[in-house]
PDB file of N, CA and C in Angstrom:
ATOM      1  N   MET A   1     -29.482 -11.258  42.797  1.00  0.00           N
ATOM      2  CA  MET A   1     -28.306 -10.584  42.328  1.00  0.00           C
ATOM      3  C   MET A   1     -28.457  -9.105  42.655  1.00  0.00           C
ATOM      4  N   LYS A   2     -27.462  -8.535  43.239  1.00  0.00           N
ATOM      5  CA  LYS A   2     -27.500  -7.118  43.579  1.00  0.00           C
ATOM      6  C   LYS A   2     -26.424  -6.383  42.795  1.00  0.00           C
ATOM      7  N   ALA A   3     -26.831  -5.363  42.101  1.00  0.00           N
ATOM      8  CA  ALA A   3     -25.898  -4.528  41.346  1.00  0.00           C
ATOM      9  C   ALA A   3     -26.461  -3.122  41.319  1.00  0.00           C
ATOM     10  N   PRO A   4     -25.637  -2.112  41.494  1.00  0.00           N
ATOM     11  CA  PRO A   4     -26.147  -0.746  41.455  1.00  0.00           C
ATOM     12  C   PRO A   4     -26.565  -0.358  40.038  1.00  0.00           C
ATOM     13  N   MET A   5     -27.448   0.629  39.976  1.00  0.00           N
ATOM     14  CA  MET A   5     -27.917   1.141  38.702  1.00  0.00           C
ATOM     15  C   MET A   5     -27.653   2.644  38.672  1.00  0.00           C
ATOM     16  N   ARG A   6     -27.266   3.163  37.529  1.00  0.00           N
ATOM     17  CA  ARG A   6     -27.032   4.600  37.398  1.00  0.00           C
ATOM     18  C   ARG A   6     -28.344   5.260  36.996  1.00  0.00           C
ATOM     19  N   ASN A   7     -28.815   6.222  37.801  1.00  0.00           N
ATOM     20  CA  ASN A   7     -30.062   6.911  37.477  1.00  0.00           C
ATOM     21  C   ASN A   7     -29.820   8.040  36.480  1.00  0.00           C
ATOM     22  N   SER A   8     -30.872   8.770  36.131  1.00  0.00           N
ATOM     23  CA  SER A   8     -30.759   9.809  35.100  1.00  0.00           C
ATOM     24  C   SER A   8     -29.863  10.969  35.516  1.00  0.00           C
ATOM     25  N   GLU A   9     -29.626  11.132  36.816  1.00  0.00           N
ATOM     26  CA  GLU A   9     -28.717  12.180  37.294  1.00  0.00           C
ATOM     27  C   GLU A   9     -27.264  11.700  37.356  1.00  0.00           C
ATOM     28  N   GLY A  10     -27.027  10.450  37.003  1.00  0.00           N
ATOM     29  CA  GLY A  10     -25.679   9.912  37.003  1.00  0.00           C
ATOM     30  C   GLY A  10     -25.239   9.314  38.327  1.00  0.00           C
ATOM     31  N   GLU A  11     -26.137   9.245  39.301  1.00  0.00           N
ATOM     32  CA  GLU A  11     -25.793   8.683  40.614  1.00  0.00           C
ATOM     33  C   GLU A  11     -26.023   7.180  40.606  1.00  0.00           C
ATOM     34  N   LEU A  12     -25.158   6.445  41.326  1.00  0.00           N
ATOM     35  CA  LEU A  12     -25.357   5.011  41.488  1.00  0.00           C
ATOM     36  C   LEU A  12     -26.369   4.765  42.583  1.00  0.00           C
ATOM     37  N   VAL A  13     -27.367   3.938  42.281  1.00  0.00           N
ATOM     38  CA  VAL A  13     -28.427   3.615  43.226  1.00  0.00           C
ATOM     39  C   VAL A  13     -28.399   2.114  43.457  1.00  0.00           C
ATOM     40  N   ASN A  14     -28.345   1.695  44.720  1.00  0.00           N
ATOM     41  CA  ASN A  14     -28.361   0.266  45.042  1.00  0.00           C
ATOM     42  C   ASN A  14     -29.747  -0.308  44.794  1.00  0.00           C
ATOM     43  N   GLN A  15     -29.778  -1.492  44.210  1.00  0.00           N
ATOM     44  CA  GLN A  15     -31.023  -2.199  43.938  1.00  0.00           C
ATOM     45  C   GLN A  15     -31.191  -3.303  44.975  1.00  0.00           C
ATOM     46  N   ASP A  16     -32.413  -3.510  45.419  1.00  0.00           N
ATOM     47  CA  ASP A  16     -32.635  -4.567  46.412  1.00  0.00           C
ATOM     48  C   ASP A  16     -33.462  -5.725  45.866  1.00  0.00           C
ATOM     49  N   LYS A  17     -33.840  -5.669  44.577  1.00  0.00           N
ATOM     50  CA  LYS A  17     -34.583  -6.783  43.988  1.00  0.00           C
ATOM     51  C   LYS A  17     -34.382  -6.781  42.481  1.00  0.00           C
ATOM     52  N   GLY A  18     -34.688  -7.917  41.858  1.00  0.00           N
ATOM     53  CA  GLY A  18     -34.575  -8.043  40.416  1.00  0.00           C
ATOM     54  C   GLY A  18     -33.170  -8.375  39.960  1.00  0.00           C
ATOM     55  N   THR A  19     -33.020  -8.476  38.664  1.00  0.00           N
ATOM     56  CA  THR A  19     -31.719  -8.733  38.065  1.00  0.00           C
ATOM     57  C   THR A  19     -31.421  -7.617  37.083  1.00  0.00           C
ATOM     58  N   PRO A  20     -30.158  -7.281  36.890  1.00  0.00           N
ATOM     59  CA  PRO A  20     -29.837  -6.193  35.973  1.00  0.00           C
ATOM     60  C   PRO A  20     -30.144  -6.567  34.530  1.00  0.00           C
ATOM     61  N   GLN A  21     -30.586  -5.587  33.758  1.00  0.00           N
ATOM     62  CA  GLN A  21     -30.813  -5.795  32.336  1.00  0.00           C
ATOM     63  C   GLN A  21     -29.508  -6.262  31.703  1.00  0.00           C
ATOM     64  N   GLY A  22     -29.554  -7.357  30.968  1.00  0.00           N
ATOM     65  CA  GLY A  22     -28.354  -7.878  30.329  1.00  0.00           C
ATOM     66  C   GLY A  22     -27.519  -8.766  31.230  1.00  0.00           C
ATOM     67  N   GLY A  23     -27.962  -8.981  32.474  1.00  0.00           N
ATOM     68  CA  GLY A  23     -27.227  -9.857  33.379  1.00  0.00           C
ATOM     69  C   GLY A  23     -27.250 -11.292  32.876  1.00  0.00           C
ATOM     70  N   VAL A  24     -26.197 -12.036  33.161  1.00  0.00           N
ATOM     71  CA  VAL A  24     -26.097 -13.397  32.631  1.00  0.00           C
ATOM     72  C   VAL A  24     -27.165 -14.328  33.192  1.00  0.00           C
ATOM     73  N   ILE A  25     -27.704 -14.039  34.358  1.00  0.00           N
ATOM     74  CA  ILE A  25     -28.719 -14.909  34.957  1.00  0.00           C
ATOM     75  C   ILE A  25     -30.130 -14.550  34.491  1.00  0.00           C
ATOM     76  N   SER A  26     -30.318 -13.351  33.944  1.00  0.00           N
ATOM     77  CA  SER A  26     -31.649 -12.886  33.556  1.00  0.00           C
ATOM     78  C   SER A  26     -32.362 -13.812  32.578  1.00  0.00           C
ATOM     79  N   PRO A  27     -31.732 -14.275  31.484  1.00  0.00           N
ATOM     80  CA  PRO A  27     -32.443 -15.168  30.562  1.00  0.00           C
ATOM     81  C   PRO A  27     -32.859 -16.486  31.217  1.00  0.00           C
ATOM     82  N   LEU A  28     -32.024 -17.019  32.073  1.00  0.00           N
ATOM     83  CA  LEU A  28     -32.368 -18.267  32.758  1.00  0.00           C
ATOM     84  C   LEU A  28     -33.576 -18.069  33.675  1.00  0.00           C
ATOM     85  N   LEU A  29     -33.574 -17.000  34.448  1.00  0.00           N
ATOM     86  CA  LEU A  29     -34.697 -16.734  35.337  1.00  0.00           C
ATOM     87  C   LEU A  29     -35.982 -16.466  34.549  1.00  0.00           C
ATOM     88  N   ALA A  30     -35.876 -15.742  33.444  1.00  0.00           N
ATOM     89  CA  ALA A  30     -37.046 -15.484  32.604  1.00  0.00           C
ATOM     90  C   ALA A  30     -37.583 -16.787  32.022  1.00  0.00           C
ATOM     91  N   ASN A  31     -36.690 -17.684  31.603  1.00  0.00           N
ATOM     92  CA  ASN A  31     -37.119 -18.957  31.045  1.00  0.00           C
ATOM     93  C   ASN A  31     -37.840 -19.801  32.096  1.00  0.00           C
ATOM     94  N   LEU A  32     -37.304 -19.845  33.292  1.00  0.00           N
ATOM     95  CA  LEU A  32     -37.972 -20.586  34.377  1.00  0.00           C
ATOM     96  C   LEU A  32     -39.329 -19.988  34.699  1.00  0.00           C
ATOM     97  N   TYR A  33     -39.375 -18.664  34.797  1.00  0.00           N
ATOM     98  CA  TYR A  33     -40.636 -17.967  35.089  1.00  0.00           C
ATOM     99  C   TYR A  33     -41.695 -18.301  34.047  1.00  0.00           C
ATOM    100  N   LEU A  34     -41.343 -18.162  32.758  1.00  0.00           N
ATOM    101  CA  LEU A  34     -42.317 -18.418  31.705  1.00  0.00           C
ATOM    102  C   LEU A  34     -42.685 -19.897  31.622  1.00  0.00           C
ATOM    103  N   HIS A  35     -41.741 -20.780  31.908  1.00  0.00           N
ATOM    104  CA  HIS A  35     -42.063 -22.208  31.884  1.00  0.00           C
ATOM    105  C   HIS A  35     -43.150 -22.537  32.902  1.00  0.00           C
ATOM    106  N   TYR A  36     -42.964 -22.089  34.128  1.00  0.00           N
ATOM    107  CA  TYR A  36     -43.924 -22.426  35.176  1.00  0.00           C
ATOM    108  C   TYR A  36     -45.175 -21.566  35.161  1.00  0.00           C
ATOM    109  N   CYS A  37     -45.071 -20.322  34.727  1.00  0.00           N
ATOM    110  CA  CYS A  37     -46.230 -19.431  34.756  1.00  0.00           C
ATOM    111  C   CYS A  37     -47.054 -19.470  33.472  1.00  0.00           C
ATOM    112  N   MET A  38     -46.460 -19.840  32.365  1.00  0.00           N
ATOM    113  CA  MET A  38     -47.210 -19.836  31.116  1.00  0.00           C
ATOM    114  C   MET A  38     -47.254 -21.210  30.453  1.00  0.00           C
ATOM    115  N   ASP A  39     -46.102 -21.814  30.203  1.00  0.00           N
ATOM    116  CA  ASP A  39     -46.064 -23.085  29.475  1.00  0.00           C
ATOM    117  C   ASP A  39     -46.896 -24.161  30.165  1.00  0.00           C
ATOM    118  N   GLU A  40     -46.700 -24.318  31.453  1.00  0.00           N
ATOM    119  CA  GLU A  40     -47.440 -25.354  32.184  1.00  0.00           C
ATOM    120  C   GLU A  40     -48.926 -25.019  32.249  1.00  0.00           C
ATOM    121  N   TRP A  41     -49.262 -23.748  32.401  1.00  0.00           N
ATOM    122  CA  TRP A  41     -50.662 -23.324  32.424  1.00  0.00           C
ATOM    123  C   TRP A  41     -51.329 -23.649  31.091  1.00  0.00           C
ATOM    124  N   LEU A  42     -50.646 -23.354  29.976  1.00  0.00           N
ATOM    125  CA  LEU A  42     -51.190 -23.690  28.658  1.00  0.00           C
ATOM    126  C   LEU A  42     -51.354 -25.200  28.501  1.00  0.00           C
ATOM    127  N   ARG A  43     -50.349 -25.950  28.915  1.00  0.00           N
ATOM    128  CA  ARG A  43     -50.395 -27.414  28.780  1.00  0.00           C
ATOM    129  C   ARG A  43     -51.580 -27.996  29.539  1.00  0.00           C
ATOM    130  N   ILE A  44     -51.861 -27.466  30.717  1.00  0.00           N
ATOM    131  CA  ILE A  44     -52.947 -27.988  31.553  1.00  0.00           C
ATOM    132  C   ILE A  44     -54.311 -27.460  31.103  1.00  0.00           C
ATOM    133  N   ASN A  45     -54.408 -26.159  30.825  1.00  0.00           N
ATOM    134  CA  ASN A  45     -55.698 -25.531  30.550  1.00  0.00           C
ATOM    135  C   ASN A  45     -56.100 -25.507  29.079  1.00  0.00           C
ATOM    136  N   TYR A  46     -55.144 -25.618  28.183  1.00  0.00           N
ATOM    137  CA  TYR A  46     -55.429 -25.593  26.751  1.00  0.00           C
ATOM    138  C   TYR A  46     -54.658 -26.705  26.040  1.00  0.00           C
ATOM    139  N   PRO A  47     -54.893 -27.969  26.409  1.00  0.00           N
ATOM    140  CA  PRO A  47     -54.121 -29.062  25.809  1.00  0.00           C
ATOM    141  C   PRO A  47     -54.380 -29.216  24.309  1.00  0.00           C
ATOM    142  N   GLN A  48     -55.486 -28.697  23.823  1.00  0.00           N
ATOM    143  CA  GLN A  48     -55.818 -28.786  22.406  1.00  0.00           C
ATOM    144  C   GLN A  48     -55.093 -27.739  21.557  1.00  0.00           C
ATOM    145  N   ASN A  49     -54.378 -26.817  22.203  1.00  0.00           N
ATOM    146  CA  ASN A  49     -53.684 -25.749  21.490  1.00  0.00           C
ATOM    147  C   ASN A  49     -52.171 -25.918  21.604  1.00  0.00           C
ATOM    148  N   PRO A  50     -51.534 -26.476  20.570  1.00  0.00           N
ATOM    149  CA  PRO A  50     -50.071 -26.589  20.629  1.00  0.00           C
ATOM    150  C   PRO A  50     -49.440 -25.196  20.637  1.00  0.00           C
ATOM    151  N   PHE A  51     -48.265 -25.094  21.232  1.00  0.00           N
ATOM    152  CA  PHE A  51     -47.587 -23.800  21.291  1.00  0.00           C
ATOM    153  C   PHE A  51     -46.084 -23.998  21.251  1.00  0.00           C
ATOM    154  N   GLU A  52     -45.408 -22.954  20.837  1.00  0.00           N
ATOM    155  CA  GLU A  52     -43.953 -22.915  20.820  1.00  0.00           C
ATOM    156  C   GLU A  52     -43.529 -21.638  21.524  1.00  0.00           C
ATOM    157  N   ARG A  53     -42.395 -21.703  22.174  1.00  0.00           N
ATOM    158  CA  ARG A  53     -41.843 -20.502  22.802  1.00  0.00           C
ATOM    159  C   ARG A  53     -40.348 -20.497  22.563  1.00  0.00           C
ATOM    160  N   TYR A  54     -39.850 -19.345  22.144  1.00  0.00           N
ATOM    161  CA  TYR A  54     -38.410 -19.135  22.017  1.00  0.00           C
ATOM    162  C   TYR A  54     -38.087 -17.902  22.831  1.00  0.00           C
ATOM    163  N   ALA A  55     -37.360 -18.097  23.924  1.00  0.00           N
ATOM    164  CA  ALA A  55     -37.064 -17.011  24.870  1.00  0.00           C
ATOM    165  C   ALA A  55     -38.390 -16.431  25.355  1.00  0.00           C
ATOM    166  N   ASP A  56     -38.666 -15.166  25.074  1.00  0.00           N
ATOM    167  CA  ASP A  56     -39.922 -14.591  25.559  1.00  0.00           C
ATOM    168  C   ASP A  56     -40.944 -14.380  24.445  1.00  0.00           C
ATOM    169  N   ASP A  57     -40.733 -15.007  23.296  1.00  0.00           N
ATOM    170  CA  ASP A  57     -41.698 -14.956  22.201  1.00  0.00           C
ATOM    171  C   ASP A  57     -42.446 -16.281  22.142  1.00  0.00           C
ATOM    172  N   SER A  58     -43.750 -16.202  21.899  1.00  0.00           N
ATOM    173  CA  SER A  58     -44.570 -17.412  21.872  1.00  0.00           C
ATOM    174  C   SER A  58     -45.512 -17.391  20.682  1.00  0.00           C
ATOM    175  N   VAL A  59     -45.842 -18.587  20.221  1.00  0.00           N
ATOM    176  CA  VAL A  59     -46.883 -18.781  19.223  1.00  0.00           C
ATOM    177  C   VAL A  59     -47.800 -19.863  19.766  1.00  0.00           C
ATOM    178  N   VAL A  60     -49.086 -19.553  19.850  1.00  0.00           N
ATOM    179  CA  VAL A  60     -50.082 -20.526  20.284  1.00  0.00           C
ATOM    180  C   VAL A  60     -51.011 -20.754  19.097  1.00  0.00           C
ATOM    181  N   HIS A  61     -51.201 -21.998  18.719  1.00  0.00           N
ATOM    182  CA  HIS A  61     -52.029 -22.342  17.565  1.00  0.00           C
ATOM    183  C   HIS A  61     -53.482 -22.497  18.006  1.00  0.00           C
ATOM    184  N   CYS A  62     -54.376 -21.762  17.350  1.00  0.00           N
ATOM    185  CA  CYS A  62     -55.808 -21.805  17.653  1.00  0.00           C
ATOM    186  C   CYS A  62     -56.571 -22.144  16.379  1.00  0.00           C
ATOM    187  N   ARG A  63     -57.776 -22.664  16.554  1.00  0.00           N
ATOM    188  CA  ARG A  63     -58.578 -23.069  15.404  1.00  0.00           C
ATOM    189  C   ARG A  63     -59.376 -21.911  14.809  1.00  0.00           C
ATOM    190  N   THR A  64     -59.765 -20.946  15.634  1.00  0.00           N
ATOM    191  CA  THR A  64     -60.550 -19.810  15.145  1.00  0.00           C
ATOM    192  C   THR A  64     -59.968 -18.515  15.690  1.00  0.00           C
ATOM    193  N   GLU A  65     -60.323 -17.420  15.058  1.00  0.00           N
ATOM    194  CA  GLU A  65     -59.873 -16.118  15.540  1.00  0.00           C
ATOM    195  C   GLU A  65     -60.475 -15.823  16.913  1.00  0.00           C
ATOM    196  N   LYS A  66     -61.740 -16.212  17.116  1.00  0.00           N
ATOM    197  CA  LYS A  66     -62.391 -16.007  18.416  1.00  0.00           C
ATOM    198  C   LYS A  66     -61.649 -16.767  19.513  1.00  0.00           C
ATOM    199  N   GLU A  67     -61.275 -18.006  19.244  1.00  0.00           N
ATOM    200  CA  GLU A  67     -60.524 -18.795  20.220  1.00  0.00           C
ATOM    201  C   GLU A  67     -59.179 -18.115  20.522  1.00  0.00           C
ATOM    202  N   ALA A  68     -58.528 -17.581  19.495  1.00  0.00           N
ATOM    203  CA  ALA A  68     -57.249 -16.894  19.688  1.00  0.00           C
ATOM    204  C   ALA A  68     -57.417 -15.665  20.577  1.00  0.00           C
ATOM    205  N   GLN A  69     -58.451 -14.889  20.349  1.00  0.00           N
ATOM    206  CA  GLN A  69     -58.685 -13.693  21.171  1.00  0.00           C
ATOM    207  C   GLN A  69     -58.980 -14.066  22.619  1.00  0.00           C
ATOM    208  N   GLU A  70     -59.803 -15.097  22.824  1.00  0.00           N
ATOM    209  CA  GLU A  70     -60.131 -15.527  24.183  1.00  0.00           C
ATOM    210  C   GLU A  70     -58.890 -16.061  24.907  1.00  0.00           C
ATOM    211  N   LEU A  71     -58.072 -16.838  24.214  1.00  0.00           N
ATOM    212  CA  LEU A  71     -56.864 -17.380  24.829  1.00  0.00           C
ATOM    213  C   LEU A  71     -55.868 -16.257  25.148  1.00  0.00           C
ATOM    214  N   ARG A  72     -55.720 -15.306  24.231  1.00  0.00           N
ATOM    215  CA  ARG A  72     -54.828 -14.162  24.483  1.00  0.00           C
ATOM    216  C   ARG A  72     -55.290 -13.391  25.718  1.00  0.00           C
ATOM    217  N   ASP A  73     -56.597 -13.137  25.825  1.00  0.00           N
ATOM    218  CA  ASP A  73     -57.119 -12.404  26.976  1.00  0.00           C
ATOM    219  C   ASP A  73     -56.883 -13.178  28.272  1.00  0.00           C
ATOM    220  N   ALA A  74     -57.048 -14.497  28.237  1.00  0.00           N
ATOM    221  CA  ALA A  74     -56.802 -15.322  29.423  1.00  0.00           C
ATOM    222  C   ALA A  74     -55.322 -15.291  29.807  1.00  0.00           C
ATOM    223  N   LEU A  75     -54.435 -15.329  28.802  1.00  0.00           N
ATOM    224  CA  LEU A  75     -52.993 -15.251  29.075  1.00  0.00           C
ATOM    225  C   LEU A  75     -52.616 -13.905  29.698  1.00  0.00           C
ATOM    226  N   VAL A  76     -53.195 -12.838  29.197  1.00  0.00           N
ATOM    227  CA  VAL A  76     -52.911 -11.507  29.761  1.00  0.00           C
ATOM    228  C   VAL A  76     -53.335 -11.470  31.226  1.00  0.00           C
ATOM    229  N   ARG A  77     -54.542 -11.967  31.517  1.00  0.00           N
ATOM    230  CA  ARG A  77     -55.011 -11.996  32.917  1.00  0.00           C
ATOM    231  C   ARG A  77     -54.083 -12.838  33.784  1.00  0.00           C
ATOM    232  N   LEU A  78     -53.662 -13.987  33.271  1.00  0.00           N
ATOM    233  CA  LEU A  78     -52.764 -14.868  34.020  1.00  0.00           C
ATOM    234  C   LEU A  78     -51.439 -14.176  34.308  1.00  0.00           C
ATOM    235  N   LEU A  79     -50.789 -13.654  33.278  1.00  0.00           N
ATOM    236  CA  LEU A  79     -49.451 -13.099  33.450  1.00  0.00           C
ATOM    237  C   LEU A  79     -49.462 -11.802  34.258  1.00  0.00           C
ATOM    238  N   VAL A  80     -50.490 -10.988  34.127  1.00  0.00           N
ATOM    239  CA  VAL A  80     -50.585  -9.787  34.964  1.00  0.00           C
ATOM    240  C   VAL A  80     -50.819 -10.202  36.416  1.00  0.00           C
ATOM    241  N   GLY A  81     -51.553 -11.296  36.618  1.00  0.00           N
ATOM    242  CA  GLY A  81     -51.831 -11.767  37.971  1.00  0.00           C
ATOM    243  C   GLY A  81     -50.617 -12.321  38.689  1.00  0.00           C
ATOM    244  N   VAL A  82     -49.662 -12.906  37.953  1.00  0.00           N
ATOM    245  CA  VAL A  82     -48.489 -13.498  38.605  1.00  0.00           C
ATOM    246  C   VAL A  82     -47.242 -12.642  38.454  1.00  0.00           C
ATOM    247  N   SER A  83     -47.358 -11.554  37.724  1.00  0.00           N
ATOM    248  CA  SER A  83     -46.187 -10.721  37.459  1.00  0.00           C
ATOM    249  C   SER A  83     -45.881  -9.809  38.639  1.00  0.00           C
ATOM    250  N   PRO A  84     -44.586  -9.631  38.954  1.00  0.00           N
ATOM    251  CA  PRO A  84     -44.242  -8.666  39.993  1.00  0.00           C
ATOM    252  C   PRO A  84     -44.583  -7.237  39.581  1.00  0.00           C
ATOM    253  N   LYS A  85     -44.618  -6.978  38.291  1.00  0.00           N
ATOM    254  CA  LYS A  85     -45.047  -5.679  37.777  1.00  0.00           C
ATOM    255  C   LYS A  85     -46.480  -5.854  37.306  1.00  0.00           C
ATOM    256  N   LYS A  86     -47.386  -5.095  37.856  1.00  0.00           N
ATOM    257  CA  LYS A  86     -48.798  -5.296  37.521  1.00  0.00           C
ATOM    258  C   LYS A  86     -49.153  -4.886  36.099  1.00  0.00           C
ATOM    259  N   GLN A  87     -48.517  -3.899  35.537  1.00  0.00           N
ATOM    260  CA  GLN A  87     -48.785  -3.498  34.166  1.00  0.00           C
ATOM    261  C   GLN A  87     -47.470  -3.376  33.406  1.00  0.00           C
ATOM    262  N   PRO A  88     -47.232  -4.248  32.436  1.00  0.00           N
ATOM    263  CA  PRO A  88     -45.988  -4.138  31.675  1.00  0.00           C
ATOM    264  C   PRO A  88     -45.947  -2.832  30.894  1.00  0.00           C
ATOM    265  N   LYS A  89     -44.736  -2.255  30.786  1.00  0.00           N
ATOM    266  CA  LYS A  89     -44.582  -0.993  30.056  1.00  0.00           C
ATOM    267  C   LYS A  89     -44.775  -1.189  28.561  1.00  0.00           C
ATOM    268  N   ARG A  90     -44.330  -2.334  28.061  1.00  0.00           N
ATOM    269  CA  ARG A  90     -44.434  -2.556  26.625  1.00  0.00           C
ATOM    270  C   ARG A  90     -44.932  -3.976  26.426  1.00  0.00           C
ATOM    271  N   SER A  91     -45.749  -4.145  25.444  1.00  0.00           N
ATOM    272  CA  SER A  91     -46.277  -5.472  25.188  1.00  0.00           C
ATOM    273  C   SER A  91     -46.578  -5.618  23.705  1.00  0.00           C
ATOM    274  N   ARG A  92     -46.394  -6.820  23.221  1.00  0.00           N
ATOM    275  CA  ARG A  92     -46.702  -7.106  21.819  1.00  0.00           C
ATOM    276  C   ARG A  92     -47.655  -8.284  21.777  1.00  0.00           C
ATOM    277  N   ARG A  93     -48.853  -8.088  22.247  1.00  0.00           N
ATOM    278  CA  ARG A  93     -49.848  -9.161  22.236  1.00  0.00           C
ATOM    279  C   ARG A  93     -50.626  -9.059  20.937  1.00  0.00           C
ATOM    280  N   ARG A  94     -50.176  -9.764  19.936  1.00  0.00           N
ATOM    281  CA  ARG A  94     -50.803  -9.700  18.623  1.00  0.00           C
ATOM    282  C   ARG A  94     -51.435 -11.026  18.272  1.00  0.00           C
ATOM    283  N   ILE A  95     -52.470 -10.945  17.474  1.00  0.00           N
ATOM    284  CA  ILE A  95     -53.085 -12.150  16.927  1.00  0.00           C
ATOM    285  C   ILE A  95     -52.873 -12.129  15.427  1.00  0.00           C
ATOM    286  N   TRP A  96     -52.265 -13.176  14.931  1.00  0.00           N
ATOM    287  CA  TRP A  96     -52.127 -13.383  13.498  1.00  0.00           C
ATOM    288  C   TRP A  96     -53.012 -14.562  13.176  1.00  0.00           C
ATOM    289  N   PHE A  97     -54.053 -14.331  12.392  1.00  0.00           N
ATOM    290  CA  PHE A  97     -55.003 -15.388  12.083  1.00  0.00           C
ATOM    291  C   PHE A  97     -54.891 -15.769  10.613  1.00  0.00           C
ATOM    292  N   ALA A  98     -54.693 -17.042  10.359  1.00  0.00           N
ATOM    293  CA  ALA A  98     -54.619 -17.547   8.988  1.00  0.00           C
ATOM    294  C   ALA A  98     -55.551 -18.745   8.862  1.00  0.00           C
ATOM    295  N   GLN A  99     -56.487 -18.658   7.961  1.00  0.00           N
ATOM    296  CA  GLN A  99     -57.365 -19.796   7.714  1.00  0.00           C
ATOM    297  C   GLN A  99     -56.623 -20.796   6.831  1.00  0.00           C
ATOM    298  N   ALA A 100     -57.199 -21.970   6.692  1.00  0.00           N
ATOM    299  CA  ALA A 100     -56.581 -22.987   5.834  1.00  0.00           C
ATOM    300  C   ALA A 100     -56.320 -22.398   4.460  1.00  0.00           C
ATOM    301  N   GLY A 101     -55.120 -22.581   3.984  1.00  0.00           N
ATOM    302  CA  GLY A 101     -54.752 -22.048   2.684  1.00  0.00           C
ATOM    303  C   GLY A 101     -53.795 -20.886   2.766  1.00  0.00           C
ATOM    304  N   GLY A 102     -53.495 -20.424   3.970  1.00  0.00           N
ATOM    305  CA  GLY A 102     -52.504 -19.362   4.116  1.00  0.00           C
ATOM    306  C   GLY A 102     -53.094 -18.042   4.541  1.00  0.00           C
ATOM    307  N   LEU A 103     -52.204 -17.040   4.614  1.00  0.00           N
ATOM    308  CA  LEU A 103     -52.601 -15.702   5.080  1.00  0.00           C
ATOM    309  C   LEU A 103     -53.441 -14.978   4.068  1.00  0.00           C
TER     310      LEU A 103
END
């Protein structure tokens, strides 16, 4: 999809790659990307860890905090390796650990 973008000086700049923020195709492309780059990787490499994903938010269930940290680090390496942008500007890679009995 090609659409011009207005830069900080107010000029329209033609884009030659990507999709515009808020474009109708963007959520579909993001869902496909995450399905093949993350969901399938988790299913194959971590079958013992169930996970849920809603849009670009995910929860992966781990048995220990150490396992959660190792899996998070592996996911970061995977997604940075396949991402067109090598370093995301913003990220919310958090670990919430709850032992049996609640938080």
